[in-house]
Structure formats: structure tokens, C-alpha cells
Amino acid sequence: MSEIIVCPNYGQKNKVEDGAKEAKCGKCWALLKENKSEETDSSSYSWIFWLIAIGAIIFFLNQNSSTSSSSSSHTKTEKIKNNYPIMTMPYSGKEQKFVNDKSIAPLTIQTSAGANYLVKIVDYYSKSPIMTIFIQGGDTIRTKVPLGTFEIRYASGKQWYGYQHLFGNDTSYSKADQAFEFRNTGYQITGYTLTLYRVSNGNLRTSYMNPSEF
């Protein structure tokens, strides 16, 4: 099909075929029509390209952020996990001794079910270890310790990972606030009974310990 375009300069009628890129007056050669569809299409495609590119960049940045966050979360989770081999639980009353002094002073330790305990006795002044005693939750043990003034610490937890890792990352560390004097008065040898759970009117005060101090 075609259309008739009148020249604005001379009034010349010009027949222009559809689809022609441009049309000029046959008399004065003035430009009558210019086809801008290709330019428009090209411009449209250019905008589409940039929109896709910007979308791709935003998606990439979000993916990196998500991956970084996931990696950080995974790292934190790994720190919480116990990667140590589970060990057989020691029997109640199992001791480790670090001195050769004779154990003659009585010590009774009572516990409640729900957690197991490793009690550590250290010299009150030098902080050098004297002995450890393992107690399964709910048990009561009666033992003897050397004479001296001691600090009593204990670690507690459920799953046992050995003497190096104790109860793993779930280990709770505490110590009694008072000093314990095991003495031979000449008439008797003084001893103590410790209760490692809350009791009404109890007089044993404890404090949290940093694991590195245990």
C-alpha cells in the first residue's frame, strides 16, 4: 500500500510506499517522512539489555551476601558442635591423684540427677592440683583427701569426652567461694560434706569459672 504526502514547500503531492525508510519531495527534495521505527526498536532493546544487566548484578550481589551469611552461620554452628569422640563415662568415685600425700581426711559429695560432675581439688594458695573425683549424677560418694587448705572446683555436663575435653562445649565450670581446711586437730580429723545441687538453707556459695582457669 502507499500514501500521498503533500510537500509543505510547494504543495507537490508525492506518493510514498509503505515501509519506505524515508520520503522526499520529487520537486524540491525536501524530507517528507523519516522512518524512526528501527531507531526506536534499537533504543528499546538497549534499555531492555541494561535492565537485564542491572538485574543480574543485583542477583549476583544478593547471592554473595546470602552465601557469606550462610557460611558465617555454618561456622558458628561448627563451633557449637562437639567434634570430640564420645568416651565411656567413668564410674562414680574414680579418682586422679597428683600428689603423694596420704589421704586421711573425709570428704562426702552428694549430687542430683541431670548432670555428671568432675570435682577438682587444688591447693588454695599455689593453685596446684591435688586430685579429681568423678561423680555420676544422682550419686553420693565418700572418699578421703590429703590434709591441707584447698579450693574445690567442679565441671558438670551430660556427655563425657574424656579428661581433656570433659563434657565438651556444654561443660559448666564452677568453684566454691570458701576455702576448705582439712586438718588433724589431735583429737579428730576435720572433713566436709558437699552438696552439688540447690538445697534450702544451704550455705555453700559458688561462682562461675572461666574454662581456662579450671
N, C-alpha and C. Protein backbone atom coordinates (compact mmCIF):
# COMPACT_ATOMS: atom_id res chain seq x y z
N MET A 1 0.83 -1.19 0.00
CA MET A 1 0.00 0.00 0.00
C MET A 1 0.88 1.25 0.00
N SER A 2 0.29 2.39 -0.31
CA SER A 2 1.04 3.64 -0.38
C SER A 2 0.21 4.76 0.20
N GLU A 3 0.85 5.90 0.40
CA GLU A 3 0.15 7.07 0.90
C GLU A 3 0.63 8.30 0.14
N ILE A 4 -0.20 9.33 0.13
CA ILE A 4 0.12 10.58 -0.55
C ILE A 4 0.52 11.61 0.49
N ILE A 5 1.70 12.18 0.34
CA ILE A 5 2.17 13.20 1.26
C ILE A 5 2.40 14.49 0.46
N VAL A 6 1.81 15.57 0.96
CA VAL A 6 1.90 16.87 0.27
C VAL A 6 3.12 17.61 0.78
N CYS A 7 3.93 18.12 -0.13
CA CYS A 7 5.13 18.87 0.25
C CYS A 7 4.69 20.19 0.87
N PRO A 8 5.20 20.55 2.02
CA PRO A 8 4.80 21.79 2.68
C PRO A 8 5.37 23.02 1.99
N ASN A 9 6.37 22.81 1.13
CA ASN A 9 7.00 23.96 0.46
C ASN A 9 6.28 24.36 -0.83
N TYR A 10 5.97 23.36 -1.67
CA TYR A 10 5.41 23.66 -2.99
C TYR A 10 4.02 23.06 -3.20
N GLY A 11 3.53 22.33 -2.24
CA GLY A 11 2.23 21.70 -2.41
C GLY A 11 2.26 20.53 -3.35
N GLN A 12 3.44 20.07 -3.67
CA GLN A 12 3.61 18.91 -4.54
C GLN A 12 3.09 17.67 -3.84
N LYS A 13 2.26 16.89 -4.54
CA LYS A 13 1.77 15.63 -4.00
C LYS A 13 2.77 14.54 -4.35
N ASN A 14 3.18 13.78 -3.32
CA ASN A 14 4.17 12.72 -3.50
C ASN A 14 3.59 11.40 -3.02
N LYS A 15 3.75 10.38 -3.82
CA LYS A 15 3.27 9.03 -3.47
C LYS A 15 4.41 8.29 -2.76
N VAL A 16 4.11 7.84 -1.61
CA VAL A 16 5.14 7.17 -0.79
C VAL A 16 4.66 5.77 -0.43
N GLU A 17 5.49 4.79 -0.74
CA GLU A 17 5.15 3.40 -0.43
C GLU A 17 5.32 3.13 1.07
N ASP A 18 4.42 2.28 1.58
CA ASP A 18 4.55 1.88 2.99
C ASP A 18 5.86 1.14 3.19
N GLY A 19 6.48 1.37 4.31
CA GLY A 19 7.72 0.67 4.63
C GLY A 19 8.95 1.40 4.16
N ALA A 20 8.77 2.49 3.40
CA ALA A 20 9.94 3.26 2.94
C ALA A 20 10.64 3.88 4.13
N LYS A 21 11.96 3.81 4.13
CA LYS A 21 12.72 4.37 5.24
C LYS A 21 12.56 5.88 5.32
N GLU A 22 12.52 6.55 4.18
CA GLU A 22 12.30 7.98 4.16
C GLU A 22 11.65 8.38 2.82
N ALA A 23 11.06 9.57 2.83
CA ALA A 23 10.42 10.10 1.60
C ALA A 23 10.79 11.55 1.41
N LYS A 24 11.11 11.90 0.15
CA LYS A 24 11.47 13.28 -0.18
C LYS A 24 10.57 13.80 -1.29
N CYS A 25 10.39 15.09 -1.29
CA CYS A 25 9.58 15.73 -2.33
C CYS A 25 10.27 15.57 -3.68
N GLY A 26 9.50 15.16 -4.73
CA GLY A 26 10.08 14.96 -6.05
C GLY A 26 10.48 16.25 -6.73
N LYS A 27 9.99 17.38 -6.18
CA LYS A 27 10.28 18.67 -6.82
C LYS A 27 11.44 19.39 -6.12
N CYS A 28 11.34 19.52 -4.77
CA CYS A 28 12.37 20.28 -4.05
C CYS A 28 13.29 19.40 -3.19
N TRP A 29 13.00 18.15 -3.18
CA TRP A 29 13.78 17.17 -2.41
C TRP A 29 13.75 17.43 -0.89
N ALA A 30 12.73 18.09 -0.48
CA ALA A 30 12.58 18.28 0.97
C ALA A 30 12.19 16.95 1.63
N LEU A 31 12.69 16.73 2.81
CA LEU A 31 12.39 15.48 3.54
C LEU A 31 10.95 15.51 4.00
N LEU A 32 10.17 14.53 3.54
CA LEU A 32 8.75 14.47 3.89
C LEU A 32 8.48 13.48 5.04
N LYS A 33 9.27 12.41 5.08
CA LYS A 33 8.99 11.35 6.06
C LYS A 33 10.27 10.63 6.39
N GLU A 34 10.46 10.34 7.67
CA GLU A 34 11.64 9.56 8.11
C GLU A 34 11.17 8.45 9.01
N ASN A 35 11.53 7.22 8.70
CA ASN A 35 11.11 6.05 9.48
C ASN A 35 12.02 5.89 10.69
N LYS A 36 11.49 6.12 11.89
CA LYS A 36 12.29 6.04 13.12
C LYS A 36 12.06 4.76 13.89
N SER A 37 11.33 3.84 13.24
CA SER A 37 10.98 2.63 13.97
C SER A 37 12.20 1.83 14.36
N GLU A 38 13.20 1.77 13.43
CA GLU A 38 14.39 0.97 13.74
C GLU A 38 15.15 1.57 14.90
N GLU A 39 15.26 2.96 14.87
CA GLU A 39 15.97 3.62 15.97
C GLU A 39 15.26 3.37 17.29
N THR A 40 13.90 3.47 17.19
CA THR A 40 13.12 3.25 18.41
C THR A 40 13.30 1.83 18.92
N ASP A 41 13.23 0.88 17.95
CA ASP A 41 13.40 -0.51 18.36
C ASP A 41 14.77 -0.72 18.98
N SER A 42 15.79 -0.12 18.35
CA SER A 42 17.15 -0.28 18.86
C SER A 42 17.26 0.31 20.25
N SER A 43 16.65 1.49 20.46
CA SER A 43 16.68 2.12 21.77
C SER A 43 15.97 1.26 22.80
N SER A 44 14.82 0.67 22.40
CA SER A 44 14.07 -0.19 23.32
C SER A 44 14.90 -1.39 23.73
N TYR A 45 15.55 -2.01 22.73
CA TYR A 45 16.40 -3.17 23.04
C TYR A 45 17.54 -2.78 23.97
N SER A 46 18.08 -1.57 23.76
CA SER A 46 19.18 -1.11 24.61
C SER A 46 18.73 -1.01 26.05
N TRP A 47 17.53 -0.44 26.28
CA TRP A 47 17.02 -0.35 27.65
C TRP A 47 16.77 -1.72 28.26
N ILE A 48 16.24 -2.63 27.46
CA ILE A 48 15.99 -3.99 27.96
C ILE A 48 17.30 -4.65 28.37
N PHE A 49 18.33 -4.45 27.54
CA PHE A 49 19.64 -5.03 27.85
C PHE A 49 20.17 -4.53 29.18
N TRP A 50 20.09 -3.20 29.39
CA TRP A 50 20.61 -2.63 30.63
C TRP A 50 19.79 -3.06 31.84
N LEU A 51 18.48 -3.19 31.66
CA LEU A 51 17.65 -3.68 32.77
C LEU A 51 18.04 -5.09 33.17
N ILE A 52 18.26 -5.93 32.16
CA ILE A 52 18.68 -7.32 32.44
C ILE A 52 20.03 -7.33 33.13
N ALA A 53 20.96 -6.50 32.66
CA ALA A 53 22.30 -6.45 33.23
C ALA A 53 22.25 -6.00 34.69
N ILE A 54 21.47 -4.95 34.96
CA ILE A 54 21.35 -4.46 36.34
C ILE A 54 20.71 -5.52 37.24
N GLY A 55 19.67 -6.20 36.72
CA GLY A 55 19.04 -7.27 37.49
C GLY A 55 20.00 -8.39 37.80
N ALA A 56 20.85 -8.73 36.82
CA ALA A 56 21.83 -9.80 37.03
C ALA A 56 22.84 -9.41 38.11
N ILE A 57 23.27 -8.14 38.10
CA ILE A 57 24.23 -7.67 39.10
C ILE A 57 23.62 -7.72 40.50
N ILE A 58 22.36 -7.25 40.62
CA ILE A 58 21.69 -7.27 41.93
C ILE A 58 21.54 -8.70 42.42
N PHE A 59 21.16 -9.62 41.52
CA PHE A 59 21.02 -11.03 41.90
C PHE A 59 22.34 -11.60 42.37
N PHE A 60 23.42 -11.27 41.65
CA PHE A 60 24.75 -11.78 42.00
C PHE A 60 25.18 -11.29 43.38
N LEU A 61 24.94 -9.98 43.64
CA LEU A 61 25.31 -9.42 44.94
C LEU A 61 24.51 -10.05 46.06
N ASN A 62 23.22 -10.28 45.82
CA ASN A 62 22.38 -10.93 46.84
C ASN A 62 22.83 -12.35 47.12
N GLN A 63 23.22 -13.06 46.05
CA GLN A 63 23.70 -14.43 46.22
C GLN A 63 24.97 -14.47 47.05
N ASN A 64 25.88 -13.53 46.78
CA ASN A 64 27.13 -13.47 47.53
C ASN A 64 26.87 -13.17 48.99
N SER A 65 25.93 -12.22 49.23
CA SER A 65 25.59 -11.86 50.60
C SER A 65 24.99 -13.04 51.33
N SER A 66 24.09 -13.77 50.63
CA SER A 66 23.43 -14.93 51.22
C SER A 66 24.44 -16.02 51.52
N THR A 67 25.38 -16.23 50.57
CA THR A 67 26.40 -17.26 50.76
C THR A 67 27.30 -16.93 51.93
N SER A 68 27.67 -15.63 52.03
CA SER A 68 28.53 -15.19 53.13
C SER A 68 27.84 -15.37 54.46
N SER A 69 26.54 -15.01 54.51
CA SER A 69 25.78 -15.16 55.74
C SER A 69 25.64 -16.62 56.12
N SER A 70 25.38 -17.46 55.09
CA SER A 70 25.24 -18.90 55.34
C SER A 70 26.54 -19.48 55.84
N SER A 71 27.66 -19.01 55.24
CA SER A 71 28.98 -19.51 55.65
C SER A 71 29.28 -19.12 57.08
N SER A 72 28.92 -17.85 57.44
CA SER A 72 29.15 -17.38 58.80
C SER A 72 28.32 -18.17 59.79
N SER A 73 27.03 -18.41 59.41
CA SER A 73 26.15 -19.19 60.28
C SER A 73 26.66 -20.60 60.43
N HIS A 74 27.16 -21.18 59.33
CA HIS A 74 27.69 -22.54 59.36
C HIS A 74 28.90 -22.61 60.28
N THR A 75 29.76 -21.57 60.20
CA THR A 75 30.96 -21.54 61.04
C THR A 75 30.57 -21.50 62.51
N LYS A 76 29.56 -20.67 62.83
CA LYS A 76 29.12 -20.59 64.21
C LYS A 76 28.56 -21.91 64.69
N THR A 77 27.81 -22.58 63.82
CA THR A 77 27.25 -23.88 64.17
C THR A 77 28.35 -24.89 64.44
N GLU A 78 29.40 -24.84 63.59
CA GLU A 78 30.50 -25.78 63.77
C GLU A 78 31.18 -25.57 65.11
N LYS A 79 31.24 -24.28 65.57
CA LYS A 79 31.88 -24.02 66.85
C LYS A 79 31.07 -24.60 68.00
N ILE A 80 29.74 -24.66 67.82
CA ILE A 80 28.89 -25.18 68.88
C ILE A 80 28.96 -26.70 68.95
N LYS A 81 29.19 -27.33 67.82
CA LYS A 81 29.22 -28.79 67.78
C LYS A 81 30.41 -29.34 68.56
N ASN A 82 30.20 -30.55 69.14
CA ASN A 82 31.30 -31.26 69.78
C ASN A 82 31.89 -32.23 68.76
N ASN A 83 33.09 -31.95 68.33
CA ASN A 83 33.73 -32.81 67.34
C ASN A 83 34.66 -33.83 68.00
N TYR A 84 34.54 -33.98 69.31
CA TYR A 84 35.40 -34.92 70.03
C TYR A 84 34.74 -36.30 70.09
N PRO A 85 35.53 -37.35 70.16
CA PRO A 85 34.93 -38.69 70.30
C PRO A 85 34.31 -38.87 71.68
N ILE A 86 33.15 -39.46 71.71
CA ILE A 86 32.48 -39.72 72.98
C ILE A 86 33.21 -40.84 73.71
N MET A 87 33.46 -40.62 75.00
CA MET A 87 34.21 -41.58 75.81
C MET A 87 33.26 -42.28 76.80
N THR A 88 33.70 -43.42 77.27
CA THR A 88 32.94 -44.15 78.28
C THR A 88 32.93 -43.35 79.58
N MET A 89 31.76 -43.22 80.17
CA MET A 89 31.61 -42.45 81.41
C MET A 89 32.36 -43.14 82.55
N PRO A 90 33.23 -42.43 83.27
CA PRO A 90 33.91 -43.04 84.44
C PRO A 90 32.88 -43.41 85.52
N TYR A 91 33.23 -44.35 86.34
CA TYR A 91 32.35 -44.73 87.44
C TYR A 91 32.42 -43.67 88.54
N SER A 92 31.37 -43.60 89.33
CA SER A 92 31.35 -42.66 90.45
C SER A 92 32.42 -43.02 91.47
N GLY A 93 33.22 -42.02 91.83
CA GLY A 93 34.30 -42.25 92.80
C GLY A 93 35.66 -42.45 92.16
N LYS A 94 35.72 -42.48 90.83
CA LYS A 94 37.02 -42.63 90.16
C LYS A 94 37.87 -41.39 90.43
N GLU A 95 39.11 -41.63 90.85
CA GLU A 95 39.98 -40.53 91.26
C GLU A 95 41.24 -40.45 90.41
N GLN A 96 41.74 -39.24 90.30
CA GLN A 96 43.07 -38.96 89.76
C GLN A 96 43.82 -38.23 90.86
N LYS A 97 45.02 -38.72 91.22
CA LYS A 97 45.80 -38.07 92.28
C LYS A 97 47.08 -37.50 91.70
N PHE A 98 47.41 -36.27 92.11
CA PHE A 98 48.58 -35.57 91.59
C PHE A 98 49.65 -35.34 92.64
N VAL A 99 49.40 -35.80 93.87
CA VAL A 99 50.40 -35.69 94.95
C VAL A 99 50.51 -37.04 95.64
N ASN A 100 51.60 -37.21 96.36
CA ASN A 100 51.81 -38.48 97.06
C ASN A 100 51.42 -38.41 98.53
N ASP A 101 50.83 -37.29 98.96
CA ASP A 101 50.43 -37.16 100.36
C ASP A 101 49.34 -38.18 100.70
N LYS A 102 49.41 -38.65 101.92
CA LYS A 102 48.43 -39.64 102.37
C LYS A 102 47.05 -39.02 102.50
N SER A 103 46.03 -39.69 101.97
CA SER A 103 44.65 -39.19 102.02
C SER A 103 43.98 -39.75 103.27
N ILE A 104 43.72 -38.86 104.25
CA ILE A 104 43.16 -39.31 105.54
C ILE A 104 41.94 -38.50 105.97
N ALA A 105 41.68 -37.36 105.31
CA ALA A 105 40.56 -36.51 105.73
C ALA A 105 39.29 -36.87 104.95
N PRO A 106 38.16 -37.02 105.66
CA PRO A 106 36.93 -37.46 104.98
C PRO A 106 36.28 -36.35 104.15
N LEU A 107 35.77 -36.76 102.99
CA LEU A 107 35.02 -35.84 102.12
C LEU A 107 33.86 -36.61 101.52
N THR A 108 32.65 -36.07 101.69
CA THR A 108 31.44 -36.65 101.11
C THR A 108 30.87 -35.65 100.10
N ILE A 109 30.51 -36.16 98.93
CA ILE A 109 29.94 -35.29 97.89
C ILE A 109 28.63 -35.89 97.42
N GLN A 110 27.57 -35.10 97.49
CA GLN A 110 26.24 -35.52 97.05
C GLN A 110 25.87 -34.75 95.77
N THR A 111 25.23 -35.44 94.84
CA THR A 111 24.82 -34.79 93.58
C THR A 111 23.37 -35.11 93.27
N SER A 112 22.81 -34.37 92.35
CA SER A 112 21.44 -34.64 91.88
C SER A 112 21.50 -35.16 90.46
N ALA A 113 20.47 -35.86 90.04
CA ALA A 113 20.41 -36.39 88.68
C ALA A 113 20.25 -35.24 87.69
N GLY A 114 20.65 -35.51 86.44
CA GLY A 114 20.50 -34.49 85.40
C GLY A 114 21.83 -34.00 84.86
N ALA A 115 22.89 -34.18 85.63
CA ALA A 115 24.23 -33.79 85.19
C ALA A 115 25.24 -34.66 85.90
N ASN A 116 26.40 -34.81 85.28
CA ASN A 116 27.51 -35.53 85.89
C ASN A 116 28.59 -34.53 86.28
N TYR A 117 29.48 -34.92 87.18
CA TYR A 117 30.41 -33.96 87.76
C TYR A 117 31.84 -34.49 87.79
N LEU A 118 32.76 -33.58 87.53
CA LEU A 118 34.17 -33.84 87.80
C LEU A 118 34.61 -32.79 88.81
N VAL A 119 34.87 -33.25 90.03
CA VAL A 119 35.30 -32.36 91.11
C VAL A 119 36.82 -32.29 91.10
N LYS A 120 37.35 -31.08 91.17
CA LYS A 120 38.79 -30.88 91.17
C LYS A 120 39.21 -30.15 92.45
N ILE A 121 40.14 -30.73 93.16
CA ILE A 121 40.63 -30.14 94.40
C ILE A 121 42.03 -29.59 94.13
N VAL A 122 42.23 -28.30 94.42
CA VAL A 122 43.54 -27.67 94.19
C VAL A 122 44.00 -27.00 95.48
N ASP A 123 45.30 -26.82 95.59
CA ASP A 123 45.85 -26.11 96.74
C ASP A 123 45.34 -24.67 96.73
N TYR A 124 44.87 -24.19 97.87
CA TYR A 124 44.23 -22.89 97.93
C TYR A 124 45.21 -21.76 97.61
N TYR A 125 46.47 -21.95 97.93
CA TYR A 125 47.45 -20.88 97.79
C TYR A 125 48.24 -20.98 96.47
N SER A 126 48.74 -22.16 96.17
CA SER A 126 49.56 -22.32 94.96
C SER A 126 48.72 -22.64 93.72
N LYS A 127 47.46 -23.06 93.93
CA LYS A 127 46.55 -23.46 92.85
C LYS A 127 47.01 -24.72 92.11
N SER A 128 47.96 -25.44 92.67
CA SER A 128 48.41 -26.68 92.04
C SER A 128 47.39 -27.79 92.31
N PRO A 129 47.16 -28.67 91.35
CA PRO A 129 46.11 -29.70 91.52
C PRO A 129 46.50 -30.76 92.55
N ILE A 130 45.52 -31.18 93.31
CA ILE A 130 45.72 -32.23 94.32
C ILE A 130 45.10 -33.55 93.83
N MET A 131 43.84 -33.48 93.39
CA MET A 131 43.17 -34.68 92.91
C MET A 131 41.86 -34.29 92.19
N THR A 132 41.32 -35.24 91.43
CA THR A 132 39.99 -35.08 90.84
C THR A 132 39.15 -36.29 91.23
N ILE A 133 37.84 -36.08 91.28
CA ILE A 133 36.90 -37.15 91.61
C ILE A 133 35.73 -37.05 90.63
N PHE A 134 35.41 -38.16 89.96
CA PHE A 134 34.27 -38.17 89.04
C PHE A 134 33.05 -38.72 89.77
N ILE A 135 31.89 -38.05 89.54
CA ILE A 135 30.65 -38.49 90.17
C ILE A 135 29.52 -38.44 89.14
N GLN A 136 28.87 -39.55 88.93
CA GLN A 136 27.71 -39.57 88.04
C GLN A 136 26.51 -38.96 88.75
N GLY A 137 25.69 -38.23 87.96
CA GLY A 137 24.56 -37.51 88.54
C GLY A 137 23.63 -38.39 89.36
N GLY A 138 23.26 -37.90 90.54
CA GLY A 138 22.37 -38.63 91.43
C GLY A 138 23.10 -39.49 92.45
N ASP A 139 24.42 -39.65 92.28
CA ASP A 139 25.19 -40.50 93.20
C ASP A 139 25.79 -39.68 94.35
N THR A 140 26.10 -40.37 95.42
CA THR A 140 26.83 -39.80 96.56
C THR A 140 28.11 -40.61 96.75
N ILE A 141 29.23 -39.94 96.89
CA ILE A 141 30.50 -40.67 97.10
C ILE A 141 31.13 -40.22 98.42
N ARG A 142 31.83 -41.13 99.01
CA ARG A 142 32.58 -40.85 100.25
C ARG A 142 34.02 -41.25 99.99
N THR A 143 34.90 -40.31 100.20
CA THR A 143 36.31 -40.57 99.91
C THR A 143 37.17 -39.88 100.96
N LYS A 144 38.48 -39.93 100.78
CA LYS A 144 39.40 -39.25 101.69
C LYS A 144 40.38 -38.43 100.87
N VAL A 145 40.80 -37.31 101.43
CA VAL A 145 41.70 -36.39 100.74
C VAL A 145 42.88 -36.09 101.66
N PRO A 146 43.98 -35.56 101.14
CA PRO A 146 45.12 -35.20 102.00
C PRO A 146 44.77 -34.03 102.92
N LEU A 147 45.58 -33.82 103.93
CA LEU A 147 45.40 -32.65 104.79
C LEU A 147 45.88 -31.40 104.06
N GLY A 148 45.24 -30.28 104.36
CA GLY A 148 45.65 -29.04 103.72
C GLY A 148 44.47 -28.09 103.55
N THR A 149 44.77 -26.92 103.01
CA THR A 149 43.72 -25.93 102.72
C THR A 149 43.52 -25.91 101.21
N PHE A 150 42.30 -26.20 100.81
CA PHE A 150 42.05 -26.43 99.38
C PHE A 150 40.93 -25.54 98.83
N GLU A 151 40.98 -25.40 97.53
CA GLU A 151 39.88 -24.80 96.77
C GLU A 151 39.20 -25.93 96.01
N ILE A 152 37.89 -25.94 96.02
CA ILE A 152 37.16 -27.02 95.35
C ILE A 152 36.44 -26.45 94.13
N ARG A 153 36.75 -27.02 92.99
CA ARG A 153 36.13 -26.63 91.72
C ARG A 153 35.37 -27.83 91.16
N TYR A 154 34.43 -27.56 90.28
CA TYR A 154 33.78 -28.70 89.62
C TYR A 154 33.26 -28.30 88.23
N ALA A 155 33.35 -29.28 87.34
CA ALA A 155 32.81 -29.14 85.99
C ALA A 155 31.62 -30.08 85.88
N SER A 156 30.59 -29.66 85.17
CA SER A 156 29.40 -30.51 85.06
C SER A 156 28.87 -30.51 83.64
N GLY A 157 28.19 -31.59 83.30
CA GLY A 157 27.61 -31.75 81.98
C GLY A 157 27.03 -33.14 81.83
N LYS A 158 26.57 -33.46 80.63
CA LYS A 158 25.91 -34.76 80.43
C LYS A 158 26.79 -35.77 79.70
N GLN A 159 27.31 -35.38 78.54
CA GLN A 159 28.08 -36.33 77.74
C GLN A 159 29.57 -36.18 78.04
N TRP A 160 30.25 -37.32 78.22
CA TRP A 160 31.66 -37.29 78.62
C TRP A 160 32.57 -37.47 77.41
N TYR A 161 33.56 -36.55 77.29
CA TYR A 161 34.50 -36.59 76.16
C TYR A 161 35.94 -36.79 76.64
N GLY A 162 36.10 -37.25 77.86
CA GLY A 162 37.44 -37.52 78.36
C GLY A 162 37.97 -36.37 79.22
N TYR A 163 39.09 -36.61 79.87
CA TYR A 163 39.63 -35.63 80.81
C TYR A 163 40.17 -34.38 80.12
N GLN A 164 40.46 -34.45 78.85
CA GLN A 164 40.95 -33.27 78.15
C GLN A 164 39.82 -32.31 77.79
N HIS A 165 38.70 -32.87 77.29
CA HIS A 165 37.59 -32.04 76.84
C HIS A 165 36.40 -32.06 77.81
N LEU A 166 36.48 -32.89 78.85
CA LEU A 166 35.44 -33.00 79.86
C LEU A 166 34.06 -33.25 79.23
N PHE A 167 33.11 -32.33 79.40
CA PHE A 167 31.77 -32.53 78.86
C PHE A 167 31.57 -31.73 77.57
N GLY A 168 32.65 -31.47 76.87
CA GLY A 168 32.59 -30.77 75.59
C GLY A 168 32.22 -29.30 75.76
N ASN A 169 31.63 -28.74 74.72
CA ASN A 169 31.28 -27.32 74.72
C ASN A 169 30.13 -26.99 75.68
N ASP A 170 29.45 -28.04 76.17
CA ASP A 170 28.34 -27.81 77.10
C ASP A 170 28.80 -27.83 78.56
N THR A 171 30.10 -27.94 78.79
CA THR A 171 30.61 -28.01 80.15
C THR A 171 30.35 -26.72 80.91
N SER A 172 29.86 -26.85 82.14
CA SER A 172 29.67 -25.70 83.03
C SER A 172 30.74 -25.76 84.12
N TYR A 173 31.41 -24.64 84.36
CA TYR A 173 32.53 -24.61 85.32
C TYR A 173 32.17 -23.73 86.51
N SER A 174 32.41 -24.26 87.72
CA SER A 174 32.11 -23.51 88.94
C SER A 174 33.16 -23.79 89.99
N LYS A 175 33.17 -22.95 91.02
CA LYS A 175 34.05 -23.19 92.16
C LYS A 175 33.36 -22.70 93.43
N ALA A 176 33.69 -23.33 94.55
CA ALA A 176 33.16 -22.89 95.84
C ALA A 176 33.89 -21.63 96.26
N ASP A 177 33.17 -20.68 96.84
CA ASP A 177 33.78 -19.41 97.21
C ASP A 177 34.65 -19.50 98.46
N GLN A 178 34.42 -20.49 99.28
CA GLN A 178 35.17 -20.60 100.53
C GLN A 178 36.36 -21.54 100.41
N ALA A 179 37.29 -21.40 101.32
CA ALA A 179 38.42 -22.33 101.41
C ALA A 179 38.02 -23.49 102.34
N PHE A 180 38.54 -24.68 102.03
CA PHE A 180 38.24 -25.88 102.82
C PHE A 180 39.53 -26.34 103.51
N GLU A 181 39.49 -26.33 104.85
CA GLU A 181 40.67 -26.73 105.64
C GLU A 181 40.45 -28.14 106.19
N PHE A 182 41.23 -29.05 105.69
CA PHE A 182 41.21 -30.43 106.20
C PHE A 182 42.40 -30.56 107.17
N ARG A 183 42.08 -30.67 108.49
CA ARG A 183 43.14 -30.63 109.50
C ARG A 183 43.05 -31.80 110.46
N ASN A 184 44.19 -32.06 111.06
CA ASN A 184 44.25 -33.04 112.15
C ASN A 184 44.44 -32.23 113.42
N THR A 185 43.40 -32.13 114.23
CA THR A 185 43.45 -31.30 115.43
C THR A 185 44.13 -31.99 116.60
N GLY A 186 44.45 -33.25 116.41
CA GLY A 186 45.00 -34.03 117.52
C GLY A 186 43.94 -34.89 118.16
N TYR A 187 42.71 -34.42 118.04
CA TYR A 187 41.58 -35.18 118.58
C TYR A 187 40.75 -35.80 117.46
N GLN A 188 40.71 -35.09 116.35
CA GLN A 188 39.96 -35.59 115.21
C GLN A 188 40.50 -34.98 113.91
N ILE A 189 40.13 -35.58 112.84
CA ILE A 189 40.50 -35.07 111.51
C ILE A 189 39.24 -34.44 110.90
N THR A 190 39.32 -33.17 110.60
CA THR A 190 38.14 -32.47 110.09
C THR A 190 37.87 -32.84 108.63
N GLY A 191 36.59 -32.91 108.30
CA GLY A 191 36.19 -33.22 106.93
C GLY A 191 34.96 -32.40 106.54
N TYR A 192 34.46 -32.65 105.35
CA TYR A 192 33.33 -31.87 104.84
C TYR A 192 32.36 -32.77 104.08
N THR A 193 31.11 -32.28 104.01
CA THR A 193 30.11 -32.87 103.13
C THR A 193 29.65 -31.77 102.17
N LEU A 194 29.79 -32.02 100.87
CA LEU A 194 29.39 -31.04 99.86
C LEU A 194 28.14 -31.53 99.14
N THR A 195 27.22 -30.63 98.88
CA THR A 195 26.01 -30.95 98.13
C THR A 195 26.03 -30.12 96.86
N LEU A 196 26.18 -30.77 95.71
CA LEU A 196 26.29 -30.05 94.44
C LEU A 196 24.95 -29.89 93.74
N TYR A 197 23.97 -29.41 94.50
CA TYR A 197 22.68 -29.01 93.93
C TYR A 197 22.02 -28.11 94.96
N ARG A 198 21.04 -27.33 94.52
CA ARG A 198 20.42 -26.37 95.41
C ARG A 198 19.62 -27.07 96.52
N VAL A 199 19.86 -26.62 97.74
CA VAL A 199 19.09 -27.13 98.88
C VAL A 199 18.63 -25.92 99.70
N SER A 200 17.50 -26.08 100.38
CA SER A 200 17.01 -24.99 101.21
C SER A 200 17.96 -24.77 102.38
N ASN A 201 18.22 -23.51 102.70
CA ASN A 201 19.11 -23.13 103.79
C ASN A 201 20.55 -23.60 103.57
N GLY A 202 20.92 -23.83 102.32
CA GLY A 202 22.30 -24.25 102.03
C GLY A 202 23.27 -23.10 102.27
N ASN A 203 24.51 -23.43 102.64
CA ASN A 203 25.48 -22.38 102.95
C ASN A 203 26.71 -22.44 102.03
N LEU A 204 26.67 -23.26 101.00
CA LEU A 204 27.79 -23.33 100.06
C LEU A 204 27.53 -22.37 98.90
N ARG A 205 28.33 -21.33 98.83
CA ARG A 205 28.21 -20.37 97.74
C ARG A 205 29.23 -20.70 96.65
N THR A 206 28.79 -20.63 95.41
CA THR A 206 29.67 -20.95 94.29
C THR A 206 29.68 -19.80 93.28
N SER A 207 30.72 -19.79 92.46
CA SER A 207 30.86 -18.78 91.40
C SER A 207 31.20 -19.46 90.09
N TYR A 208 30.83 -18.80 89.00
CA TYR A 208 31.18 -19.29 87.68
C TYR A 208 32.67 -19.16 87.44
N MET A 209 33.26 -20.13 86.75
CA MET A 209 34.68 -20.09 86.41
C MET A 209 34.87 -20.02 84.92
N ASN A 210 35.90 -19.30 84.50
CA ASN A 210 36.30 -19.34 83.11
C ASN A 210 36.92 -20.70 82.83
N PRO A 211 36.58 -21.34 81.72
CA PRO A 211 37.14 -22.68 81.43
C PRO A 211 38.66 -22.74 81.48
N SER A 212 39.33 -21.66 81.08
CA SER A 212 40.79 -21.65 81.09
C SER A 212 41.37 -21.67 82.50
N GLU A 213 40.56 -21.32 83.49
CA GLU A 213 41.03 -21.29 84.88
C GLU A 213 40.83 -22.61 85.58
N PHE A 214 40.04 -23.50 84.98
CA PHE A 214 39.69 -24.75 85.64
C PHE A 214 40.93 -25.66 85.77
